[in-house]
Amino acid sequence: MDAFFGLAINQIVQFGLSSLQVIYYLEQLFREFYNELIFN
């Protein structure tokens, strides 16, 4: 049971980290887009 539990936590952590990377990437894109709108 412990091995399964550890695996589940590992999966959740991996998923969380990849989600953070996607959110960060989208935020960067949005910021560039926003700057283009304001300064042009």
N, C-alpha and C. Protein backbone atom coordinates (compact mmCIF):
# COMPACT_ATOMS: atom_id res chain seq x y z
N MET A 1 0.83 -1.21 0.00
CA MET A 1 0.00 0.00 0.00
C MET A 1 0.87 1.26 0.00
N ASP A 2 1.96 1.24 0.76
CA ASP A 2 2.83 2.41 0.82
C ASP A 2 3.43 2.74 -0.55
N ALA A 3 3.81 1.70 -1.29
CA ALA A 3 4.39 1.92 -2.61
C ALA A 3 3.37 2.57 -3.54
N PHE A 4 2.14 2.09 -3.48
CA PHE A 4 1.08 2.66 -4.31
C PHE A 4 0.82 4.12 -3.94
N PHE A 5 0.80 4.38 -2.64
CA PHE A 5 0.56 5.73 -2.14
C PHE A 5 1.66 6.69 -2.60
N GLY A 6 2.90 6.22 -2.52
CA GLY A 6 4.04 7.02 -2.96
C GLY A 6 3.96 7.31 -4.45
N LEU A 7 3.54 6.31 -5.22
CA LEU A 7 3.41 6.47 -6.66
C LEU A 7 2.34 7.49 -6.99
N ALA A 8 1.23 7.42 -6.27
CA ALA A 8 0.13 8.37 -6.48
C ALA A 8 0.58 9.80 -6.18
N ILE A 9 1.29 9.98 -5.09
CA ILE A 9 1.80 11.30 -4.73
C ILE A 9 2.77 11.80 -5.80
N ASN A 10 3.62 10.90 -6.28
CA ASN A 10 4.57 11.26 -7.32
C ASN A 10 3.84 11.74 -8.58
N GLN A 11 2.79 11.02 -8.96
CA GLN A 11 2.01 11.40 -10.13
C GLN A 11 1.38 12.79 -9.94
N ILE A 12 0.84 13.02 -8.76
CA ILE A 12 0.20 14.31 -8.46
C ILE A 12 1.23 15.44 -8.53
N VAL A 13 2.40 15.20 -7.96
CA VAL A 13 3.46 16.21 -7.99
C VAL A 13 3.89 16.50 -9.43
N GLN A 14 4.09 15.45 -10.22
CA GLN A 14 4.48 15.63 -11.62
C GLN A 14 3.43 16.45 -12.37
N PHE A 15 2.17 16.10 -12.15
CA PHE A 15 1.07 16.80 -12.81
C PHE A 15 1.04 18.27 -12.38
N GLY A 16 1.21 18.51 -11.10
CA GLY A 16 1.21 19.87 -10.57
C GLY A 16 2.34 20.70 -11.17
N LEU A 17 3.53 20.12 -11.27
CA LEU A 17 4.66 20.84 -11.82
C LEU A 17 4.45 21.17 -13.29
N SER A 18 3.93 20.22 -14.05
CA SER A 18 3.71 20.49 -15.46
C SER A 18 2.62 21.53 -15.64
N SER A 19 1.61 21.52 -14.76
CA SER A 19 0.56 22.53 -14.82
C SER A 19 1.13 23.92 -14.54
N LEU A 20 2.03 24.00 -13.56
CA LEU A 20 2.67 25.28 -13.24
C LEU A 20 3.47 25.80 -14.43
N GLN A 21 4.16 24.90 -15.12
CA GLN A 21 4.94 25.32 -16.29
C GLN A 21 4.03 25.88 -17.37
N VAL A 22 2.89 25.23 -17.59
CA VAL A 22 1.93 25.69 -18.59
C VAL A 22 1.37 27.06 -18.21
N ILE A 23 1.01 27.21 -16.94
CA ILE A 23 0.47 28.48 -16.46
C ILE A 23 1.51 29.60 -16.61
N TYR A 24 2.75 29.31 -16.27
CA TYR A 24 3.82 30.29 -16.39
C TYR A 24 4.01 30.70 -17.85
N TYR A 25 4.00 29.71 -18.75
CA TYR A 25 4.16 29.96 -20.18
C TYR A 25 3.03 30.85 -20.71
N LEU A 26 1.79 30.51 -20.33
CA LEU A 26 0.63 31.30 -20.76
C LEU A 26 0.71 32.73 -20.23
N GLU A 27 1.17 32.86 -18.99
CA GLU A 27 1.30 34.18 -18.38
C GLU A 27 2.31 35.03 -19.14
N GLN A 28 3.42 34.43 -19.56
CA GLN A 28 4.42 35.14 -20.34
C GLN A 28 3.84 35.60 -21.68
N LEU A 29 3.12 34.70 -22.34
CA LEU A 29 2.50 35.02 -23.62
C LEU A 29 1.51 36.16 -23.47
N PHE A 30 0.68 36.06 -22.45
CA PHE A 30 -0.35 37.07 -22.21
C PHE A 30 0.28 38.43 -21.93
N ARG A 31 1.36 38.42 -21.17
CA ARG A 31 2.05 39.67 -20.84
C ARG A 31 2.59 40.34 -22.10
N GLU A 32 3.18 39.57 -23.00
CA GLU A 32 3.70 40.13 -24.25
C GLU A 32 2.56 40.70 -25.09
N PHE A 33 1.47 39.95 -25.17
CA PHE A 33 0.30 40.37 -25.93
C PHE A 33 -0.26 41.68 -25.35
N TYR A 34 -0.35 41.74 -24.04
CA TYR A 34 -0.87 42.90 -23.32
C TYR A 34 0.01 44.12 -23.59
N ASN A 35 1.31 43.93 -23.54
CA ASN A 35 2.24 45.03 -23.81
C ASN A 35 2.10 45.53 -25.24
N GLU A 36 1.90 44.63 -26.18
CA GLU A 36 1.69 45.01 -27.58
C GLU A 36 0.45 45.89 -27.71
N LEU A 37 -0.61 45.50 -27.03
CA LEU A 37 -1.86 46.27 -27.09
C LEU A 37 -1.70 47.67 -26.52
N ILE A 38 -1.01 47.77 -25.40
CA ILE A 38 -0.88 49.06 -24.72
C ILE A 38 0.06 50.01 -25.46
N PHE A 39 1.19 49.51 -25.90
CA PHE A 39 2.20 50.39 -26.45
C PHE A 39 2.05 50.68 -27.94
N ASN A 40 1.11 50.03 -28.59
CA ASN A 40 0.91 50.31 -30.02
C ASN A 40 -0.39 51.07 -30.25
